Amino acid sequence: MNKSKLLYWTDVGMGLSFLVVFITGIIKLEHPREVMFLHDWSGVLMGIFVLLHLILHLKWIFVMTKGLIIQGEVKK
């Protein structure tokens, strides 16, 4: 699988798990025991997708951070 497809499916998984956590979080306000299992495991899954997303974007994060630091030094 190429990186673009991996990023796409990572983002889809992250988005879907976020929706489940969000919806079950709202339901949990009224009925805490009925959705606890689904809510907890969706949160774990979302955390895994976010971590994978950050790992896949690590090079971009470093480049942007370096650019912002250098830009900040030039403005001084």
PDB file of N, CA and C in Angstrom:
ATOM      1  N   MET A   1       0.856  -1.180   0.000  1.00  0.00           N
ATOM      2  CA  MET A   1       0.000   0.000   0.000  1.00  0.00           C
ATOM      3  C   MET A   1       0.897   1.237   0.000  1.00  0.00           C
ATOM      4  N   ASN A   2       0.593   2.178  -0.903  1.00  0.00           N
ATOM      5  CA  ASN A   2       1.425   3.375  -0.932  1.00  0.00           C
ATOM      6  C   ASN A   2       1.040   4.328   0.202  1.00  0.00           C
ATOM      7  N   LYS A   3       1.876   5.328   0.430  1.00  0.00           N
ATOM      8  CA  LYS A   3       1.700   6.220   1.573  1.00  0.00           C
ATOM      9  C   LYS A   3       0.392   7.009   1.492  1.00  0.00           C
ATOM     10  N   SER A   4       0.003   7.430   0.304  1.00  0.00           N
ATOM     11  CA  SER A   4      -1.236   8.199   0.150  1.00  0.00           C
ATOM     12  C   SER A   4      -2.452   7.387   0.579  1.00  0.00           C
ATOM     13  N   LYS A   5      -2.507   6.127   0.162  1.00  0.00           N
ATOM     14  CA  LYS A   5      -3.628   5.269   0.553  1.00  0.00           C
ATOM     15  C   LYS A   5      -3.602   4.998   2.056  1.00  0.00           C
ATOM     16  N   LEU A   6      -2.406   4.795   2.608  1.00  0.00           N
ATOM     17  CA  LEU A   6      -2.284   4.565   4.046  1.00  0.00           C
ATOM     18  C   LEU A   6      -2.758   5.788   4.823  1.00  0.00           C
ATOM     19  N   LEU A   7      -2.361   6.977   4.371  1.00  0.00           N
ATOM     20  CA  LEU A   7      -2.824   8.212   5.015  1.00  0.00           C
ATOM     21  C   LEU A   7      -4.340   8.343   4.910  1.00  0.00           C
ATOM     22  N   TYR A   8      -4.881   8.030   3.743  1.00  0.00           N
ATOM     23  CA  TYR A   8      -6.328   8.117   3.544  1.00  0.00           C
ATOM     24  C   TYR A   8      -7.064   7.208   4.528  1.00  0.00           C
ATOM     25  N   TRP A   9      -6.673   5.947   4.589  1.00  0.00           N
ATOM     26  CA  TRP A   9      -7.368   5.001   5.461  1.00  0.00           C
ATOM     27  C   TRP A   9      -7.126   5.313   6.943  1.00  0.00           C
ATOM     28  N   THR A  10      -5.971   5.853   7.258  1.00  0.00           N
ATOM     29  CA  THR A  10      -5.720   6.294   8.632  1.00  0.00           C
ATOM     30  C   THR A  10      -6.679   7.418   9.003  1.00  0.00           C
ATOM     31  N   ASP A  11      -6.848   8.383   8.106  1.00  0.00           N
ATOM     32  CA  ASP A  11      -7.758   9.497   8.367  1.00  0.00           C
ATOM     33  C   ASP A  11      -9.218   9.038   8.430  1.00  0.00           C
ATOM     34  N   VAL A  12      -9.596   8.103   7.574  1.00  0.00           N
ATOM     35  CA  VAL A  12     -10.956   7.551   7.622  1.00  0.00           C
ATOM     36  C   VAL A  12     -11.187   6.853   8.956  1.00  0.00           C
ATOM     37  N   GLY A  13     -10.235   6.026   9.368  1.00  0.00           N
ATOM     38  CA  GLY A  13     -10.363   5.327  10.649  1.00  0.00           C
ATOM     39  C   GLY A  13     -10.411   6.294  11.818  1.00  0.00           C
ATOM     40  N   MET A  14      -9.577   7.331  11.761  1.00  0.00           N
ATOM     41  CA  MET A  14      -9.557   8.329  12.819  1.00  0.00           C
ATOM     42  C   MET A  14     -10.894   9.071  12.869  1.00  0.00           C
ATOM     43  N   GLY A  15     -11.415   9.431  11.709  1.00  0.00           N
ATOM     44  CA  GLY A  15     -12.689  10.144  11.663  1.00  0.00           C
ATOM     45  C   GLY A  15     -13.851   9.302  12.164  1.00  0.00           C
ATOM     46  N   LEU A  16     -13.904   8.038  11.743  1.00  0.00           N
ATOM     47  CA  LEU A  16     -14.982   7.157  12.184  1.00  0.00           C
ATOM     48  C   LEU A  16     -14.914   6.875  13.683  1.00  0.00           C
ATOM     49  N   SER A  17     -13.712   6.626  14.183  1.00  0.00           N
ATOM     50  CA  SER A  17     -13.594   6.359  15.620  1.00  0.00           C
ATOM     51  C   SER A  17     -13.929   7.612  16.425  1.00  0.00           C
ATOM     52  N   PHE A  18     -13.574   8.795  15.893  1.00  0.00           N
ATOM     53  CA  PHE A  18     -13.962  10.035  16.559  1.00  0.00           C
ATOM     54  C   PHE A  18     -15.482  10.151  16.638  1.00  0.00           C
ATOM     55  N   LEU A  19     -16.174   9.864  15.532  1.00  0.00           N
ATOM     56  CA  LEU A  19     -17.638   9.952  15.536  1.00  0.00           C
ATOM     57  C   LEU A  19     -18.261   9.016  16.571  1.00  0.00           C
ATOM     58  N   VAL A  20     -17.734   7.796  16.653  1.00  0.00           N
ATOM     59  CA  VAL A  20     -18.258   6.844  17.634  1.00  0.00           C
ATOM     60  C   VAL A  20     -18.015   7.351  19.055  1.00  0.00           C
ATOM     61  N   VAL A  21     -16.812   7.847  19.323  1.00  0.00           N
ATOM     62  CA  VAL A  21     -16.501   8.374  20.656  1.00  0.00           C
ATOM     63  C   VAL A  21     -17.388   9.575  20.970  1.00  0.00           C
ATOM     64  N   PHE A  22     -17.573  10.455  20.001  1.00  0.00           N
ATOM     65  CA  PHE A  22     -18.390  11.651  20.196  1.00  0.00           C
ATOM     66  C   PHE A  22     -19.847  11.286  20.478  1.00  0.00           C
ATOM     67  N   ILE A  23     -20.412  10.415  19.653  1.00  0.00           N
ATOM     68  CA  ILE A  23     -21.817  10.035  19.815  1.00  0.00           C
ATOM     69  C   ILE A  23     -22.031   9.264  21.110  1.00  0.00           C
ATOM     70  N   THR A  24     -21.153   8.291  21.397  1.00  0.00           N
ATOM     71  CA  THR A  24     -21.322   7.523  22.631  1.00  0.00           C
ATOM     72  C   THR A  24     -21.049   8.388  23.859  1.00  0.00           C
ATOM     73  N   GLY A  25     -20.195   9.408  23.706  1.00  0.00           N
ATOM     74  CA  GLY A  25     -19.957  10.338  24.817  1.00  0.00           C
ATOM     75  C   GLY A  25     -21.212  11.114  25.159  1.00  0.00           C
ATOM     76  N   ILE A  26     -21.963  11.503  24.140  1.00  0.00           N
ATOM     77  CA  ILE A  26     -23.228  12.207  24.374  1.00  0.00           C
ATOM     78  C   ILE A  26     -24.252  11.258  24.993  1.00  0.00           C
ATOM     79  N   ILE A  27     -24.355  10.048  24.449  1.00  0.00           N
ATOM     80  CA  ILE A  27     -25.300   9.061  24.988  1.00  0.00           C
ATOM     81  C   ILE A  27     -24.936   8.711  26.424  1.00  0.00           C
ATOM     82  N   LYS A  28     -23.627   8.644  26.701  1.00  0.00           N
ATOM     83  CA  LYS A  28     -23.130   8.274  28.026  1.00  0.00           C
ATOM     84  C   LYS A  28     -23.586   9.253  29.106  1.00  0.00           C
ATOM     85  N   LEU A  29     -23.857  10.492  28.720  1.00  0.00           N
ATOM     86  CA  LEU A  29     -24.338  11.473  29.692  1.00  0.00           C
ATOM     87  C   LEU A  29     -25.659  11.029  30.324  1.00  0.00           C
ATOM     88  N   GLU A  30     -26.505  10.375  29.532  1.00  0.00           N
ATOM     89  CA  GLU A  30     -27.819   9.914  30.015  1.00  0.00           C
ATOM     90  C   GLU A  30     -27.811   8.445  30.449  1.00  0.00           C
ATOM     91  N   HIS A  31     -27.055   7.618  29.748  1.00  0.00           N
ATOM     92  CA  HIS A  31     -27.049   6.166  30.002  1.00  0.00           C
ATOM     93  C   HIS A  31     -25.615   5.659  30.091  1.00  0.00           C
ATOM     94  N   PRO A  32     -24.927   5.911  31.206  1.00  0.00           N
ATOM     95  CA  PRO A  32     -23.493   5.617  31.283  1.00  0.00           C
ATOM     96  C   PRO A  32     -23.106   4.153  31.081  1.00  0.00           C
ATOM     97  N   ARG A  33     -23.897   3.222  31.529  1.00  0.00           N
ATOM     98  CA  ARG A  33     -23.477   1.815  31.473  1.00  0.00           C
ATOM     99  C   ARG A  33     -23.716   1.164  30.115  1.00  0.00           C
ATOM    100  N   GLU A  34     -24.681   1.636  29.359  1.00  0.00           N
ATOM    101  CA  GLU A  34     -25.048   0.979  28.109  1.00  0.00           C
ATOM    102  C   GLU A  34     -23.976   1.113  27.022  1.00  0.00           C
ATOM    103  N   VAL A  35     -23.251   2.203  26.998  1.00  0.00           N
ATOM    104  CA  VAL A  35     -22.297   2.435  25.907  1.00  0.00           C
ATOM    105  C   VAL A  35     -20.848   2.510  26.375  1.00  0.00           C
ATOM    106  N   MET A  36     -20.604   2.177  27.624  1.00  0.00           N
ATOM    107  CA  MET A  36     -19.252   2.346  28.183  1.00  0.00           C
ATOM    108  C   MET A  36     -18.212   1.544  27.412  1.00  0.00           C
ATOM    109  N   PHE A  37     -18.483   0.282  27.110  1.00  0.00           N
ATOM    110  CA  PHE A  37     -17.528  -0.584  26.417  1.00  0.00           C
ATOM    111  C   PHE A  37     -17.192  -0.011  25.036  1.00  0.00           C
ATOM    112  N   LEU A  38     -18.215   0.332  24.260  1.00  0.00           N
ATOM    113  CA  LEU A  38     -18.022   0.875  22.919  1.00  0.00           C
ATOM    114  C   LEU A  38     -17.272   2.202  22.968  1.00  0.00           C
ATOM    115  N   HIS A  39     -17.630   3.041  23.919  1.00  0.00           N
ATOM    116  CA  HIS A  39     -16.993   4.349  24.061  1.00  0.00           C
ATOM    117  C   HIS A  39     -15.504   4.196  24.393  1.00  0.00           C
ATOM    118  N   ASP A  40     -15.200   3.363  25.355  1.00  0.00           N
ATOM    119  CA  ASP A  40     -13.809   3.175  25.779  1.00  0.00           C
ATOM    120  C   ASP A  40     -12.936   2.613  24.660  1.00  0.00           C
ATOM    121  N   TRP A  41     -13.402   1.563  23.982  1.00  0.00           N
ATOM    122  CA  TRP A  41     -12.591   0.943  22.946  1.00  0.00           C
ATOM    123  C   TRP A  41     -12.495   1.800  21.693  1.00  0.00           C
ATOM    124  N   SER A  42     -13.513   2.580  21.413  1.00  0.00           N
ATOM    125  CA  SER A  42     -13.420   3.525  20.289  1.00  0.00           C
ATOM    126  C   SER A  42     -12.387   4.596  20.590  1.00  0.00           C
ATOM    127  N   GLY A  43     -12.299   5.007  21.850  1.00  0.00           N
ATOM    128  CA  GLY A  43     -11.284   5.988  22.250  1.00  0.00           C
ATOM    129  C   GLY A  43      -9.880   5.433  22.094  1.00  0.00           C
ATOM    130  N   VAL A  44      -9.683   4.172  22.460  1.00  0.00           N
ATOM    131  CA  VAL A  44      -8.373   3.530  22.287  1.00  0.00           C
ATOM    132  C   VAL A  44      -8.031   3.446  20.801  1.00  0.00           C
ATOM    133  N   LEU A  45      -8.996   3.034  19.988  1.00  0.00           N
ATOM    134  CA  LEU A  45      -8.792   2.942  18.548  1.00  0.00           C
ATOM    135  C   LEU A  45      -8.469   4.310  17.955  1.00  0.00           C
ATOM    136  N   MET A  46      -9.176   5.347  18.382  1.00  0.00           N
ATOM    137  CA  MET A  46      -8.906   6.691  17.898  1.00  0.00           C
ATOM    138  C   MET A  46      -7.481   7.113  18.266  1.00  0.00           C
ATOM    139  N   GLY A  47      -7.044   6.799  19.475  1.00  0.00           N
ATOM    140  CA  GLY A  47      -5.683   7.117  19.892  1.00  0.00           C
ATOM    141  C   GLY A  47      -4.640   6.443  19.008  1.00  0.00           C
ATOM    142  N   ILE A  48      -4.889   5.206  18.618  1.00  0.00           N
ATOM    143  CA  ILE A  48      -3.975   4.478  17.733  1.00  0.00           C
ATOM    144  C   ILE A  48      -3.919   5.153  16.368  1.00  0.00           C
ATOM    145  N   PHE A  49      -5.085   5.527  15.828  1.00  0.00           N
ATOM    146  CA  PHE A  49      -5.117   6.206  14.533  1.00  0.00           C
ATOM    147  C   PHE A  49      -4.420   7.564  14.588  1.00  0.00           C
ATOM    148  N   VAL A  50      -4.614   8.309  15.664  1.00  0.00           N
ATOM    149  CA  VAL A  50      -3.950   9.617  15.805  1.00  0.00           C
ATOM    150  C   VAL A  50      -2.435   9.428  15.864  1.00  0.00           C
ATOM    151  N   LEU A  51      -1.979   8.444  16.626  1.00  0.00           N
ATOM    152  CA  LEU A  51      -0.543   8.164  16.714  1.00  0.00           C
ATOM    153  C   LEU A  51       0.028   7.795  15.344  1.00  0.00           C
ATOM    154  N   LEU A  52      -0.665   6.923  14.622  1.00  0.00           N
ATOM    155  CA  LEU A  52      -0.229   6.537  13.281  1.00  0.00           C
ATOM    156  C   LEU A  52      -0.212   7.756  12.357  1.00  0.00           C
ATOM    157  N   HIS A  53      -1.219   8.592  12.448  1.00  0.00           N
ATOM    158  CA  HIS A  53      -1.303   9.813  11.647  1.00  0.00           C
ATOM    159  C   HIS A  53      -0.094  10.718  11.915  1.00  0.00           C
ATOM    160  N   LEU A  54       0.243  10.906  13.171  1.00  0.00           N
ATOM    161  CA  LEU A  54       1.388  11.743  13.518  1.00  0.00           C
ATOM    162  C   LEU A  54       2.705  11.138  13.028  1.00  0.00           C
ATOM    163  N   ILE A  55       2.838   9.836  13.147  1.00  0.00           N
ATOM    164  CA  ILE A  55       4.050   9.161  12.673  1.00  0.00           C
ATOM    165  C   ILE A  55       4.203   9.341  11.164  1.00  0.00           C
ATOM    166  N   LEU A  56       3.093   9.193  10.431  1.00  0.00           N
ATOM    167  CA  LEU A  56       3.143   9.333   8.977  1.00  0.00           C
ATOM    168  C   LEU A  56       3.440  10.768   8.549  1.00  0.00           C
ATOM    169  N   HIS A  57       3.126  11.728   9.395  1.00  0.00           N
ATOM    170  CA  HIS A  57       3.363  13.138   9.075  1.00  0.00           C
ATOM    171  C   HIS A  57       4.583  13.708   9.798  1.00  0.00           C
ATOM    172  N   LEU A  58       5.396  12.859  10.385  1.00  0.00           N
ATOM    173  CA  LEU A  58       6.525  13.316  11.195  1.00  0.00           C
ATOM    174  C   LEU A  58       7.489  14.196  10.410  1.00  0.00           C
ATOM    175  N   LYS A  59       7.820  13.803   9.186  1.00  0.00           N
ATOM    176  CA  LYS A  59       8.750  14.595   8.377  1.00  0.00           C
ATOM    177  C   LYS A  59       8.170  15.994   8.140  1.00  0.00           C
ATOM    178  N   TRP A  60       6.897  16.061   7.797  1.00  0.00           N
ATOM    179  CA  TRP A  60       6.239  17.355   7.559  1.00  0.00           C
ATOM    180  C   TRP A  60       6.245  18.205   8.830  1.00  0.00           C
ATOM    181  N   ILE A  61       5.988  17.582   9.972  1.00  0.00           N
ATOM    182  CA  ILE A  61       5.980  18.304  11.245  1.00  0.00           C
ATOM    183  C   ILE A  61       7.362  18.901  11.521  1.00  0.00           C
ATOM    184  N   PHE A  62       8.421  18.115  11.299  1.00  0.00           N
ATOM    185  CA  PHE A  62       9.778  18.614  11.523  1.00  0.00           C
ATOM    186  C   PHE A  62      10.120  19.764  10.575  1.00  0.00           C
ATOM    187  N   VAL A  63       9.762  19.609   9.301  1.00  0.00           N
ATOM    188  CA  VAL A  63      10.048  20.656   8.316  1.00  0.00           C
ATOM    189  C   VAL A  63       9.321  21.950   8.685  1.00  0.00           C
ATOM    190  N   MET A  64       8.047  21.844   9.039  1.00  0.00           N
ATOM    191  CA  MET A  64       7.265  23.024   9.408  1.00  0.00           C
ATOM    192  C   MET A  64       7.811  23.678  10.675  1.00  0.00           C
ATOM    193  N   THR A  65       8.152  22.870  11.658  1.00  0.00           N
ATOM    194  CA  THR A  65       8.688  23.403  12.914  1.00  0.00           C
ATOM    195  C   THR A  65      10.007  24.132  12.660  1.00  0.00           C
ATOM    196  N   LYS A  66      10.877  23.511  11.880  1.00  0.00           N
ATOM    197  CA  LYS A  66      12.157  24.143  11.544  1.00  0.00           C
ATOM    198  C   LYS A  66      11.919  25.451  10.815  1.00  0.00           C
ATOM    199  N   GLY A  67      10.990  25.456   9.862  1.00  0.00           N
ATOM    200  CA  GLY A  67      10.689  26.668   9.113  1.00  0.00           C
ATOM    201  C   GLY A  67      10.147  27.769  10.000  1.00  0.00           C
ATOM    202  N   LEU A  68       9.291  27.416  10.946  1.00  0.00           N
ATOM    203  CA  LEU A  68       8.738  28.415  11.853  1.00  0.00           C
ATOM    204  C   LEU A  68       9.795  28.974  12.794  1.00  0.00           C
ATOM    205  N   ILE A  69      10.695  28.111  13.245  1.00  0.00           N
ATOM    206  CA  ILE A  69      11.776  28.574  14.137  1.00  0.00           C
ATOM    207  C   ILE A  69      12.714  29.503  13.382  1.00  0.00           C
ATOM    208  N   ILE A  70      13.104  29.113  12.179  1.00  0.00           N
ATOM    209  CA  ILE A  70      13.994  29.954  11.384  1.00  0.00           C
ATOM    210  C   ILE A  70      13.308  31.260  11.036  1.00  0.00           C
ATOM    211  N   GLN A  71      12.058  31.202  10.663  1.00  0.00           N
ATOM    212  CA  GLN A  71      11.301  32.415  10.335  1.00  0.00           C
ATOM    213  C   GLN A  71      11.222  33.346  11.548  1.00  0.00           C
ATOM    214  N   GLY A  72      11.052  32.769  12.713  1.00  0.00           N
ATOM    215  CA  GLY A  72      10.996  33.549  13.933  1.00  0.00           C
ATOM    216  C   GLY A  72      12.317  34.247  14.218  1.00  0.00           C
ATOM    217  N   GLU A  73      13.444  33.570  13.923  1.00  0.00           N
ATOM    218  CA  GLU A  73      14.765  34.159  14.145  1.00  0.00           C
ATOM    219  C   GLU A  73      15.032  35.297  13.150  1.00  0.00           C
ATOM    220  N   VAL A  74      14.546  35.167  11.938  1.00  0.00           N
ATOM    221  CA  VAL A  74      14.766  36.199  10.920  1.00  0.00           C
ATOM    222  C   VAL A  74      14.012  37.479  11.292  1.00  0.00           C
ATOM    223  N   LYS A  75      12.832  37.337  11.853  1.00  0.00           N
ATOM    224  CA  LYS A  75      12.009  38.502  12.207  1.00  0.00           C
ATOM    225  C   LYS A  75      12.601  39.299  13.360  1.00  0.00           C
ATOM    226  N   LYS A  76      13.421  38.684  14.195  1.00  0.00           N
ATOM    227  CA  LYS A  76      13.975  39.376  15.365  1.00  0.00           C
ATOM    228  C   LYS A  76      14.933  40.381  14.939  1.00  0.00           C
TER     229      LYS A  76
END
